[in-house]
Amino acid sequence: MGIYALAAAAIRTDVQIYAFEPNPHAYARLRVNKFRNGFANIVESNIAVGHERGVVDFSWFTRASGQIASGGSIGAFPERSDLERTVVRMEPLDKILGVRDLGERGLVKIDVEGAEMAVFEGMKETLKKHRPDIIVETFNQQHVDFINERILPLGYRVWTVDETTGLHATDGIQLQAREKEGNYLLSVRDAPVV
């Protein structure tokens, strides 16, 4: 729906905020929120961010309440009656016009419901060239290992984000015991700005 993009646009009216949302319903809400709040600095795109250029299947659960689903899945559609489906364009961050100009203080937020490896694979050059700060959510050990292999050699430090107690430095991304705690801040800077 654009909650993080809206917050970033409100705080930093002087920078471009790039928001990618493949779910057409959530994308429509993002656009409404952008225009209703007058945030001309949000550049929204109805695409999935991944490891290669192409077209992919995308699905999400329908909700009986009519609320827009916040998550989705890339890949083959399971045979379920409670899913909505579409086909979306996928692009790697390294190839998206504008994102290549992140600058020295770029920030990338990644909440892709299990497609973290694809996103990090598609941003190898962005990581090397711009070394942006990254907020990532992940709950999968294979994804954690994959991300650590890419960020740690580049000098990234990691902080676990705990919504109650704040940021906690850790040696690489480490899955948390509580399932809700899967957010991490990655940065090449000595200490995060909070």
N, C-alpha and C. Protein backbone atom coordinates (compact mmCIF):
# COMPACT_ATOMS: atom_id res chain seq x y z
N MET A 1 0.83 -1.20 0.00
CA MET A 1 0.00 0.00 0.00
C MET A 1 0.86 1.25 0.00
N GLY A 2 2.16 1.08 0.26
CA GLY A 2 3.07 2.21 0.21
C GLY A 2 3.38 2.85 1.55
N ILE A 3 3.13 2.15 2.65
CA ILE A 3 3.35 2.75 3.97
C ILE A 3 4.79 3.24 4.13
N TYR A 4 5.77 2.40 3.81
CA TYR A 4 7.16 2.79 3.97
C TYR A 4 7.56 3.85 2.94
N ALA A 5 7.06 3.73 1.72
CA ALA A 5 7.35 4.74 0.70
C ALA A 5 6.77 6.08 1.11
N LEU A 6 5.55 6.09 1.64
CA LEU A 6 4.92 7.33 2.09
C LEU A 6 5.70 7.96 3.24
N ALA A 7 6.11 7.14 4.19
CA ALA A 7 6.89 7.65 5.33
C ALA A 7 8.21 8.24 4.84
N ALA A 8 8.89 7.53 3.96
CA ALA A 8 10.17 8.02 3.44
C ALA A 8 9.98 9.31 2.65
N ALA A 9 8.91 9.38 1.84
CA ALA A 9 8.65 10.57 1.04
C ALA A 9 8.33 11.77 1.91
N ALA A 10 7.67 11.53 3.04
CA ALA A 10 7.33 12.62 3.95
C ALA A 10 8.57 13.15 4.67
N ILE A 11 9.47 12.23 5.04
CA ILE A 11 10.68 12.62 5.77
C ILE A 11 11.71 13.27 4.84
N ARG A 12 11.84 12.70 3.63
CA ARG A 12 12.86 13.18 2.69
C ARG A 12 12.21 13.64 1.39
N THR A 13 11.66 14.83 1.40
CA THR A 13 11.02 15.38 0.20
C THR A 13 12.04 15.73 -0.88
N ASP A 14 13.33 15.73 -0.53
CA ASP A 14 14.38 16.12 -1.45
C ASP A 14 14.95 14.96 -2.26
N VAL A 15 14.48 13.74 -2.04
CA VAL A 15 15.02 12.59 -2.77
C VAL A 15 13.90 11.80 -3.46
N GLN A 16 14.26 11.07 -4.50
CA GLN A 16 13.31 10.20 -5.18
C GLN A 16 13.15 8.91 -4.38
N ILE A 17 11.92 8.48 -4.21
CA ILE A 17 11.60 7.22 -3.54
C ILE A 17 11.06 6.29 -4.61
N TYR A 18 11.71 5.14 -4.81
CA TYR A 18 11.27 4.17 -5.80
C TYR A 18 10.49 3.06 -5.09
N ALA A 19 9.24 2.85 -5.49
CA ALA A 19 8.39 1.85 -4.87
C ALA A 19 7.96 0.85 -5.94
N PHE A 20 8.19 -0.44 -5.68
CA PHE A 20 7.85 -1.50 -6.62
C PHE A 20 6.80 -2.39 -5.98
N GLU A 21 5.68 -2.58 -6.66
CA GLU A 21 4.58 -3.38 -6.12
C GLU A 21 3.91 -4.16 -7.25
N PRO A 22 4.11 -5.49 -7.29
CA PRO A 22 3.52 -6.29 -8.37
C PRO A 22 2.03 -6.59 -8.19
N ASN A 23 1.51 -6.55 -6.96
CA ASN A 23 0.10 -6.82 -6.73
C ASN A 23 -0.70 -5.64 -7.28
N PRO A 24 -1.55 -5.85 -8.28
CA PRO A 24 -2.24 -4.71 -8.90
C PRO A 24 -3.16 -3.95 -7.95
N HIS A 25 -3.77 -4.63 -6.98
CA HIS A 25 -4.62 -3.95 -6.01
C HIS A 25 -3.80 -3.08 -5.06
N ALA A 26 -2.70 -3.63 -4.55
CA ALA A 26 -1.83 -2.86 -3.66
C ALA A 26 -1.17 -1.71 -4.42
N TYR A 27 -0.83 -1.95 -5.68
CA TYR A 27 -0.24 -0.89 -6.51
C TYR A 27 -1.22 0.26 -6.70
N ALA A 28 -2.49 -0.06 -6.94
CA ALA A 28 -3.51 0.98 -7.09
C ALA A 28 -3.63 1.79 -5.80
N ARG A 29 -3.60 1.11 -4.67
CA ARG A 29 -3.68 1.82 -3.38
C ARG A 29 -2.44 2.69 -3.17
N LEU A 30 -1.27 2.18 -3.55
CA LEU A 30 -0.04 2.97 -3.47
C LEU A 30 -0.19 4.27 -4.27
N ARG A 31 -0.71 4.17 -5.49
CA ARG A 31 -0.89 5.35 -6.34
C ARG A 31 -1.88 6.34 -5.72
N VAL A 32 -2.98 5.83 -5.19
CA VAL A 32 -3.96 6.71 -4.53
C VAL A 32 -3.30 7.42 -3.36
N ASN A 33 -2.57 6.68 -2.53
CA ASN A 33 -1.90 7.27 -1.37
C ASN A 33 -0.88 8.32 -1.80
N LYS A 34 -0.14 8.03 -2.85
CA LYS A 34 0.86 8.98 -3.36
C LYS A 34 0.19 10.29 -3.78
N PHE A 35 -0.84 10.18 -4.61
CA PHE A 35 -1.47 11.40 -5.13
C PHE A 35 -2.29 12.12 -4.07
N ARG A 36 -2.95 11.38 -3.20
CA ARG A 36 -3.76 12.00 -2.14
C ARG A 36 -2.89 12.81 -1.19
N ASN A 37 -1.64 12.35 -0.96
CA ASN A 37 -0.72 13.03 -0.06
C ASN A 37 0.22 14.00 -0.77
N GLY A 38 0.13 14.07 -2.09
CA GLY A 38 0.94 15.02 -2.85
C GLY A 38 2.42 14.71 -2.88
N PHE A 39 2.78 13.44 -2.85
CA PHE A 39 4.20 13.06 -2.84
C PHE A 39 4.71 12.83 -4.26
N ALA A 40 5.12 13.91 -4.89
CA ALA A 40 5.64 13.82 -6.26
C ALA A 40 6.99 13.13 -6.31
N ASN A 41 7.64 12.95 -5.16
CA ASN A 41 8.96 12.32 -5.15
C ASN A 41 8.89 10.79 -5.09
N ILE A 42 7.70 10.21 -5.10
CA ILE A 42 7.58 8.74 -5.18
C ILE A 42 7.45 8.35 -6.65
N VAL A 43 8.33 7.44 -7.08
CA VAL A 43 8.27 6.88 -8.42
C VAL A 43 7.80 5.44 -8.26
N GLU A 44 6.54 5.17 -8.62
CA GLU A 44 5.98 3.86 -8.40
C GLU A 44 6.01 3.03 -9.69
N SER A 45 6.21 1.73 -9.52
CA SER A 45 6.24 0.81 -10.67
C SER A 45 5.50 -0.47 -10.31
N ASN A 46 4.67 -0.93 -11.22
CA ASN A 46 3.89 -2.15 -11.02
C ASN A 46 4.67 -3.36 -11.55
N ILE A 47 5.85 -3.59 -10.96
CA ILE A 47 6.70 -4.70 -11.38
C ILE A 47 7.20 -5.46 -10.16
N ALA A 48 7.65 -6.67 -10.41
CA ALA A 48 8.33 -7.46 -9.39
C ALA A 48 9.83 -7.24 -9.56
N VAL A 49 10.55 -7.15 -8.46
CA VAL A 49 12.00 -7.03 -8.51
C VAL A 49 12.56 -8.43 -8.29
N GLY A 50 13.48 -8.84 -9.17
CA GLY A 50 14.01 -10.19 -9.07
C GLY A 50 15.39 -10.32 -9.65
N HIS A 51 15.72 -11.52 -10.13
CA HIS A 51 17.07 -11.84 -10.58
C HIS A 51 17.29 -11.65 -12.07
N GLU A 52 16.21 -11.56 -12.85
CA GLU A 52 16.38 -11.43 -14.29
C GLU A 52 15.20 -10.67 -14.88
N ARG A 53 15.38 -10.23 -16.11
CA ARG A 53 14.33 -9.55 -16.84
C ARG A 53 13.40 -10.59 -17.43
N GLY A 54 12.10 -10.35 -17.31
CA GLY A 54 11.15 -11.28 -17.90
C GLY A 54 9.75 -11.06 -17.39
N VAL A 55 8.92 -12.05 -17.59
CA VAL A 55 7.54 -12.03 -17.16
C VAL A 55 7.34 -13.24 -16.26
N VAL A 56 6.69 -13.03 -15.10
CA VAL A 56 6.52 -14.12 -14.14
C VAL A 56 5.07 -14.19 -13.66
N ASP A 57 4.68 -15.37 -13.23
CA ASP A 57 3.39 -15.56 -12.60
C ASP A 57 3.44 -14.98 -11.19
N PHE A 58 2.34 -14.36 -10.79
CA PHE A 58 2.26 -13.76 -9.46
C PHE A 58 0.88 -14.06 -8.90
N SER A 59 0.83 -14.50 -7.63
CA SER A 59 -0.46 -14.82 -7.00
C SER A 59 -0.48 -14.33 -5.56
N TRP A 60 -1.69 -14.16 -5.03
CA TRP A 60 -1.87 -13.73 -3.65
C TRP A 60 -3.20 -14.25 -3.15
N PHE A 61 -3.29 -14.41 -1.83
CA PHE A 61 -4.52 -14.90 -1.22
C PHE A 61 -5.59 -13.82 -1.22
N THR A 62 -6.80 -14.19 -1.56
CA THR A 62 -7.92 -13.27 -1.41
C THR A 62 -8.37 -13.30 0.04
N ARG A 63 -8.88 -12.20 0.50
CA ARG A 63 -9.35 -12.12 1.89
C ARG A 63 -10.87 -11.96 1.88
N ALA A 64 -11.53 -12.72 2.72
CA ALA A 64 -12.99 -12.67 2.80
C ALA A 64 -13.47 -11.27 3.16
N SER A 65 -12.66 -10.54 3.90
CA SER A 65 -13.05 -9.19 4.33
C SER A 65 -12.97 -8.17 3.21
N GLY A 66 -12.33 -8.56 2.10
CA GLY A 66 -12.15 -7.63 0.99
C GLY A 66 -10.91 -6.77 1.12
N GLN A 67 -10.15 -6.93 2.22
CA GLN A 67 -8.91 -6.18 2.38
C GLN A 67 -7.89 -6.63 1.34
N ILE A 68 -7.01 -5.72 0.99
CA ILE A 68 -5.95 -6.03 0.03
C ILE A 68 -4.89 -6.87 0.72
N ALA A 69 -4.52 -7.98 0.11
CA ALA A 69 -3.47 -8.84 0.65
C ALA A 69 -2.13 -8.12 0.59
N SER A 70 -1.36 -8.22 1.67
CA SER A 70 -0.07 -7.54 1.70
C SER A 70 1.06 -8.40 1.14
N GLY A 71 0.84 -9.66 0.92
CA GLY A 71 1.89 -10.54 0.42
C GLY A 71 1.49 -11.16 -0.90
N GLY A 72 2.45 -11.79 -1.52
CA GLY A 72 2.21 -12.47 -2.78
C GLY A 72 3.32 -13.45 -3.04
N SER A 73 3.20 -14.17 -4.14
CA SER A 73 4.17 -15.21 -4.45
C SER A 73 4.47 -15.21 -5.94
N ILE A 74 5.74 -15.30 -6.25
CA ILE A 74 6.18 -15.42 -7.64
C ILE A 74 6.39 -16.89 -7.94
N GLY A 75 5.95 -17.31 -9.11
CA GLY A 75 6.16 -18.69 -9.51
C GLY A 75 4.88 -19.35 -9.94
N ALA A 76 4.95 -20.66 -10.08
CA ALA A 76 3.79 -21.43 -10.54
C ALA A 76 2.63 -21.25 -9.58
N PHE A 77 1.45 -21.20 -10.13
CA PHE A 77 0.25 -21.02 -9.32
C PHE A 77 -0.17 -22.35 -8.71
N PRO A 78 -0.34 -22.41 -7.40
CA PRO A 78 -0.92 -23.62 -6.82
C PRO A 78 -2.40 -23.68 -7.18
N GLU A 79 -2.95 -24.86 -7.18
CA GLU A 79 -4.38 -25.03 -7.49
C GLU A 79 -5.19 -24.77 -6.24
N ARG A 80 -5.60 -23.52 -6.05
CA ARG A 80 -6.41 -23.13 -4.89
C ARG A 80 -7.47 -22.15 -5.36
N SER A 81 -8.63 -22.23 -4.75
CA SER A 81 -9.72 -21.34 -5.14
C SER A 81 -9.64 -19.98 -4.44
N ASP A 82 -8.80 -19.85 -3.41
CA ASP A 82 -8.72 -18.59 -2.68
C ASP A 82 -7.53 -17.73 -3.13
N LEU A 83 -7.05 -17.94 -4.35
CA LEU A 83 -5.94 -17.15 -4.87
C LEU A 83 -6.40 -16.28 -6.04
N GLU A 84 -5.85 -15.09 -6.08
CA GLU A 84 -5.96 -14.26 -7.28
C GLU A 84 -4.63 -14.38 -8.00
N ARG A 85 -4.68 -14.22 -9.31
CA ARG A 85 -3.48 -14.45 -10.12
C ARG A 85 -3.35 -13.40 -11.20
N THR A 86 -2.12 -13.15 -11.56
CA THR A 86 -1.83 -12.29 -12.70
C THR A 86 -0.43 -12.62 -13.21
N VAL A 87 -0.04 -11.97 -14.27
CA VAL A 87 1.31 -12.07 -14.80
C VAL A 87 1.91 -10.67 -14.70
N VAL A 88 3.14 -10.59 -14.21
CA VAL A 88 3.80 -9.29 -14.05
C VAL A 88 5.18 -9.30 -14.67
N ARG A 89 5.65 -8.11 -14.99
CA ARG A 89 7.01 -7.96 -15.48
C ARG A 89 7.96 -8.00 -14.28
N MET A 90 9.10 -8.66 -14.46
CA MET A 90 10.13 -8.71 -13.43
C MET A 90 11.41 -8.07 -13.97
N GLU A 91 12.07 -7.29 -13.12
CA GLU A 91 13.32 -6.63 -13.48
C GLU A 91 14.31 -6.74 -12.33
N PRO A 92 15.60 -6.92 -12.63
CA PRO A 92 16.60 -6.83 -11.57
C PRO A 92 16.85 -5.36 -11.21
N LEU A 93 17.12 -5.09 -9.94
CA LEU A 93 17.41 -3.71 -9.53
C LEU A 93 18.57 -3.12 -10.33
N ASP A 94 19.55 -3.95 -10.67
CA ASP A 94 20.70 -3.46 -11.43
C ASP A 94 20.30 -2.87 -12.78
N LYS A 95 19.16 -3.25 -13.33
CA LYS A 95 18.74 -2.81 -14.66
C LYS A 95 17.66 -1.73 -14.65
N ILE A 96 17.12 -1.41 -13.49
CA ILE A 96 16.01 -0.46 -13.43
C ILE A 96 16.55 0.96 -13.51
N LEU A 97 16.07 1.69 -14.50
CA LEU A 97 16.48 3.08 -14.69
C LEU A 97 16.16 3.89 -13.45
N GLY A 98 17.07 4.71 -13.03
CA GLY A 98 16.86 5.55 -11.85
C GLY A 98 17.48 4.93 -10.61
N VAL A 99 17.19 3.66 -10.37
CA VAL A 99 17.76 3.01 -9.20
C VAL A 99 19.27 2.92 -9.33
N ARG A 100 19.75 2.92 -10.55
CA ARG A 100 21.20 2.89 -10.76
C ARG A 100 21.86 4.15 -10.23
N ASP A 101 21.06 5.18 -9.95
CA ASP A 101 21.59 6.44 -9.45
C ASP A 101 21.26 6.64 -7.98
N LEU A 102 21.38 5.58 -7.19
CA LEU A 102 21.03 5.66 -5.77
C LEU A 102 21.88 6.67 -5.00
N GLY A 103 23.10 6.87 -5.42
CA GLY A 103 23.96 7.81 -4.71
C GLY A 103 24.56 7.20 -3.47
N GLU A 104 25.19 8.05 -2.67
CA GLU A 104 25.93 7.59 -1.50
C GLU A 104 25.07 7.20 -0.32
N ARG A 105 23.84 7.69 -0.23
CA ARG A 105 23.01 7.45 0.94
C ARG A 105 21.74 6.69 0.58
N GLY A 106 21.80 5.82 -0.39
CA GLY A 106 20.62 5.07 -0.81
C GLY A 106 20.13 4.11 0.26
N LEU A 107 18.84 3.85 0.23
CA LEU A 107 18.22 2.90 1.14
C LEU A 107 17.29 2.00 0.32
N VAL A 108 17.42 0.70 0.50
CA VAL A 108 16.57 -0.27 -0.19
C VAL A 108 15.83 -1.07 0.88
N LYS A 109 14.51 -1.12 0.79
CA LYS A 109 13.70 -1.93 1.70
C LYS A 109 13.20 -3.14 0.93
N ILE A 110 13.44 -4.34 1.47
CA ILE A 110 13.09 -5.57 0.78
C ILE A 110 12.15 -6.39 1.66
N ASP A 111 10.91 -6.53 1.20
CA ASP A 111 9.90 -7.38 1.85
C ASP A 111 9.19 -8.10 0.72
N VAL A 112 9.74 -9.23 0.32
CA VAL A 112 9.30 -9.88 -0.91
C VAL A 112 8.78 -11.31 -0.70
N GLU A 113 8.39 -11.61 0.54
CA GLU A 113 7.68 -12.86 0.82
C GLU A 113 8.36 -14.10 0.26
N GLY A 114 9.64 -14.26 0.52
CA GLY A 114 10.34 -15.48 0.11
C GLY A 114 11.16 -15.37 -1.16
N ALA A 115 11.18 -14.21 -1.81
CA ALA A 115 11.96 -14.04 -3.04
C ALA A 115 13.25 -13.25 -2.78
N GLU A 116 13.73 -13.28 -1.54
CA GLU A 116 14.91 -12.50 -1.18
C GLU A 116 16.14 -12.88 -2.01
N MET A 117 16.34 -14.17 -2.26
CA MET A 117 17.52 -14.58 -3.01
C MET A 117 17.48 -13.99 -4.42
N ALA A 118 16.32 -13.98 -5.05
CA ALA A 118 16.19 -13.42 -6.41
C ALA A 118 16.49 -11.93 -6.41
N VAL A 119 16.01 -11.21 -5.41
CA VAL A 119 16.25 -9.77 -5.35
C VAL A 119 17.74 -9.49 -5.16
N PHE A 120 18.40 -10.19 -4.24
CA PHE A 120 19.83 -9.96 -4.01
C PHE A 120 20.66 -10.39 -5.22
N GLU A 121 20.24 -11.42 -5.92
CA GLU A 121 20.94 -11.84 -7.14
C GLU A 121 20.85 -10.74 -8.20
N GLY A 122 19.72 -10.05 -8.25
CA GLY A 122 19.50 -9.00 -9.23
C GLY A 122 20.03 -7.64 -8.84
N MET A 123 20.71 -7.54 -7.71
CA MET A 123 21.27 -6.25 -7.29
C MET A 123 22.76 -6.33 -6.95
N LYS A 124 23.46 -7.28 -7.57
CA LYS A 124 24.89 -7.46 -7.29
C LYS A 124 25.70 -6.19 -7.59
N GLU A 125 25.44 -5.57 -8.74
CA GLU A 125 26.18 -4.37 -9.12
C GLU A 125 25.78 -3.18 -8.25
N THR A 126 24.51 -3.09 -7.90
CA THR A 126 24.04 -2.02 -7.01
C THR A 126 24.74 -2.12 -5.67
N LEU A 127 24.88 -3.34 -5.15
CA LEU A 127 25.57 -3.53 -3.87
C LEU A 127 27.02 -3.09 -3.96
N LYS A 128 27.71 -3.47 -5.03
CA LYS A 128 29.13 -3.13 -5.17
C LYS A 128 29.34 -1.65 -5.41
N LYS A 129 28.52 -1.06 -6.29
CA LYS A 129 28.73 0.33 -6.70
C LYS A 129 28.21 1.33 -5.67
N HIS A 130 26.99 1.12 -5.17
CA HIS A 130 26.36 2.12 -4.31
C HIS A 130 26.41 1.77 -2.83
N ARG A 131 26.50 0.47 -2.52
CA ARG A 131 26.51 -0.01 -1.14
C ARG A 131 25.42 0.67 -0.30
N PRO A 132 24.16 0.55 -0.76
CA PRO A 132 23.07 1.21 -0.03
C PRO A 132 22.80 0.55 1.30
N ASP A 133 22.21 1.31 2.22
CA ASP A 133 21.65 0.70 3.41
C ASP A 133 20.48 -0.16 2.96
N ILE A 134 20.22 -1.25 3.67
CA ILE A 134 19.15 -2.17 3.28
C ILE A 134 18.36 -2.56 4.52
N ILE A 135 17.05 -2.53 4.40
CA ILE A 135 16.17 -3.12 5.40
C ILE A 135 15.57 -4.34 4.73
N VAL A 136 15.76 -5.51 5.33
CA VAL A 136 15.28 -6.74 4.71
C VAL A 136 14.52 -7.57 5.73
N GLU A 137 13.46 -8.21 5.26
CA GLU A 137 12.72 -9.16 6.08
C GLU A 137 12.92 -10.54 5.47
N THR A 138 13.32 -11.50 6.30
CA THR A 138 13.48 -12.88 5.84
C THR A 138 13.31 -13.83 7.01
N PHE A 139 12.77 -15.01 6.71
CA PHE A 139 12.52 -16.03 7.74
C PHE A 139 13.07 -17.39 7.31
N ASN A 140 13.98 -17.41 6.33
CA ASN A 140 14.43 -18.66 5.74
C ASN A 140 15.95 -18.77 5.84
N GLN A 141 16.45 -19.86 6.41
CA GLN A 141 17.88 -20.02 6.62
C GLN A 141 18.66 -20.03 5.31
N GLN A 142 18.13 -20.64 4.28
CA GLN A 142 18.81 -20.66 2.98
C GLN A 142 18.96 -19.23 2.45
N HIS A 143 17.93 -18.40 2.61
CA HIS A 143 18.00 -17.01 2.17
C HIS A 143 19.01 -16.23 3.01
N VAL A 144 19.02 -16.48 4.31
CA VAL A 144 19.97 -15.82 5.21
C VAL A 144 21.39 -16.12 4.77
N ASP A 145 21.70 -17.38 4.54
CA ASP A 145 23.05 -17.76 4.11
C ASP A 145 23.43 -17.10 2.79
N PHE A 146 22.49 -17.08 1.84
CA PHE A 146 22.71 -16.48 0.52
C PHE A 146 23.02 -14.99 0.65
N ILE A 147 22.22 -14.28 1.45
CA ILE A 147 22.41 -12.85 1.63
C ILE A 147 23.74 -12.57 2.33
N ASN A 148 24.03 -13.30 3.41
CA ASN A 148 25.30 -13.11 4.12
C ASN A 148 26.50 -13.29 3.20
N GLU A 149 26.45 -14.29 2.31
CA GLU A 149 27.56 -14.53 1.38
C GLU A 149 27.80 -13.34 0.45
N ARG A 150 26.75 -12.56 0.18
CA ARG A 150 26.87 -11.43 -0.73
C ARG A 150 27.22 -10.13 -0.02
N ILE A 151 26.75 -9.95 1.20
CA ILE A 151 26.94 -8.64 1.85
C ILE A 151 28.19 -8.57 2.73
N LEU A 152 28.51 -9.64 3.43
CA LEU A 152 29.62 -9.58 4.38
C LEU A 152 30.96 -9.29 3.71
N PRO A 153 31.29 -9.89 2.54
CA PRO A 153 32.55 -9.54 1.88
C PRO A 153 32.63 -8.08 1.41
N LEU A 154 31.47 -7.41 1.31
CA LEU A 154 31.44 -6.01 0.89
C LEU A 154 31.54 -5.05 2.08
N GLY A 155 31.72 -5.60 3.28
CA GLY A 155 31.88 -4.76 4.46
C GLY A 155 30.59 -4.37 5.15
N TYR A 156 29.50 -5.05 4.82
CA TYR A 156 28.23 -4.75 5.47
C TYR A 156 28.23 -5.24 6.91
N ARG A 157 27.62 -4.43 7.78
CA ARG A 157 27.35 -4.83 9.15
C ARG A 157 25.85 -5.05 9.27
N VAL A 158 25.44 -5.81 10.28
CA VAL A 158 24.03 -6.20 10.40
C VAL A 158 23.51 -5.87 11.79
N TRP A 159 22.29 -5.34 11.82
CA TRP A 159 21.56 -5.11 13.06
C TRP A 159 20.20 -5.79 12.96
N THR A 160 19.84 -6.54 13.99
CA THR A 160 18.49 -7.08 14.09
C THR A 160 17.57 -5.95 14.52
N VAL A 161 16.41 -5.87 13.89
CA VAL A 161 15.44 -4.84 14.24
C VAL A 161 14.39 -5.46 15.16
N ASP A 162 14.37 -4.99 16.39
CA ASP A 162 13.36 -5.44 17.35
C ASP A 162 12.43 -4.25 17.59
N GLU A 163 11.17 -4.41 17.28
CA GLU A 163 10.23 -3.30 17.36
C GLU A 163 10.02 -2.81 18.79
N THR A 164 10.41 -3.60 19.77
CA THR A 164 10.26 -3.19 21.17
C THR A 164 11.54 -2.57 21.73
N THR A 165 12.68 -3.21 21.45
CA THR A 165 13.93 -2.78 22.09
C THR A 165 14.91 -2.09 21.14
N GLY A 166 14.60 -2.00 19.85
CA GLY A 166 15.46 -1.27 18.92
C GLY A 166 16.39 -2.15 18.11
N LEU A 167 17.56 -1.60 17.77
CA LEU A 167 18.54 -2.28 16.92
C LEU A 167 19.58 -2.99 17.77
N HIS A 168 19.98 -4.19 17.32
CA HIS A 168 20.98 -4.98 18.03
C HIS A 168 22.01 -5.49 17.02
N ALA A 169 23.27 -5.12 17.20
CA ALA A 169 24.33 -5.56 16.30
C ALA A 169 24.49 -7.07 16.38
N THR A 170 24.77 -7.67 15.23
CA THR A 170 24.97 -9.11 15.16
C THR A 170 25.99 -9.42 14.06
N ASP A 171 26.59 -10.59 14.12
CA ASP A 171 27.56 -11.01 13.10
C ASP A 171 26.81 -11.63 11.93
N GLY A 172 26.42 -10.83 10.97
CA GLY A 172 25.65 -11.32 9.84
C GLY A 172 24.19 -11.51 10.24
N ILE A 173 23.37 -11.78 9.26
CA ILE A 173 21.96 -12.05 9.53
C ILE A 173 21.86 -13.39 10.22
N GLN A 174 21.13 -13.44 11.32
CA GLN A 174 20.89 -14.67 12.05
C GLN A 174 19.40 -14.76 12.34
N LEU A 175 18.80 -15.87 11.97
CA LEU A 175 17.37 -16.02 12.22
C LEU A 175 17.08 -15.92 13.70
N GLN A 176 15.98 -15.28 14.01
CA GLN A 176 15.58 -15.06 15.39
C GLN A 176 14.69 -16.21 15.87
N ALA A 177 14.68 -16.42 17.17
CA ALA A 177 13.87 -17.50 17.75
C ALA A 177 12.38 -17.23 17.57
N ARG A 178 12.00 -15.96 17.71
CA ARG A 178 10.59 -15.62 17.53
C ARG A 178 10.31 -15.40 16.06
N GLU A 179 9.27 -16.02 15.55
CA GLU A 179 8.96 -15.96 14.13
C GLU A 179 8.68 -14.54 13.65
N LYS A 180 8.14 -13.68 14.52
CA LYS A 180 7.82 -12.31 14.12
C LYS A 180 9.06 -11.47 13.86
N GLU A 181 10.18 -11.82 14.48
CA GLU A 181 11.39 -11.02 14.37
C GLU A 181 12.22 -11.48 13.19
N GLY A 182 11.99 -10.90 12.04
CA GLY A 182 12.75 -11.28 10.85
C GLY A 182 13.23 -10.09 10.06
N ASN A 183 13.35 -8.91 10.73
CA ASN A 183 13.76 -7.69 10.04
C ASN A 183 15.18 -7.33 10.44
N TYR A 184 15.95 -6.89 9.43
CA TYR A 184 17.37 -6.60 9.64
C TYR A 184 17.74 -5.31 8.91
N LEU A 185 18.65 -4.57 9.51
CA LEU A 185 19.24 -3.41 8.87
C LEU A 185 20.65 -3.78 8.48
N LEU A 186 21.00 -3.57 7.21
CA LEU A 186 22.33 -3.87 6.69
C LEU A 186 22.96 -2.55 6.26
N SER A 187 24.18 -2.29 6.69
CA SER A 187 24.82 -1.02 6.35
C SER A 187 26.33 -1.17 6.35
N VAL A 188 27.00 -0.39 5.52
CA VAL A 188 28.47 -0.35 5.54
C VAL A 188 28.96 0.74 6.47
N ARG A 189 28.04 1.53 7.02
CA ARG A 189 28.40 2.59 7.96
C ARG A 189 28.64 2.01 9.35
N ASP A 190 29.37 2.76 10.17
CA ASP A 190 29.71 2.28 11.51
C ASP A 190 28.50 2.12 12.41
N ALA A 191 27.60 3.07 12.36
CA ALA A 191 26.44 2.99 13.24
C ALA A 191 25.23 3.52 12.49
N PRO A 192 24.10 2.84 12.60
CA PRO A 192 22.91 3.30 11.89
C PRO A 192 22.34 4.57 12.52
N VAL A 193 21.69 5.34 11.70
CA VAL A 193 20.98 6.53 12.18
C VAL A 193 19.56 6.07 12.49
N VAL A 194 19.12 6.24 13.75
CA VAL A 194 17.78 5.81 14.14
C VAL A 194 16.95 6.98 14.61
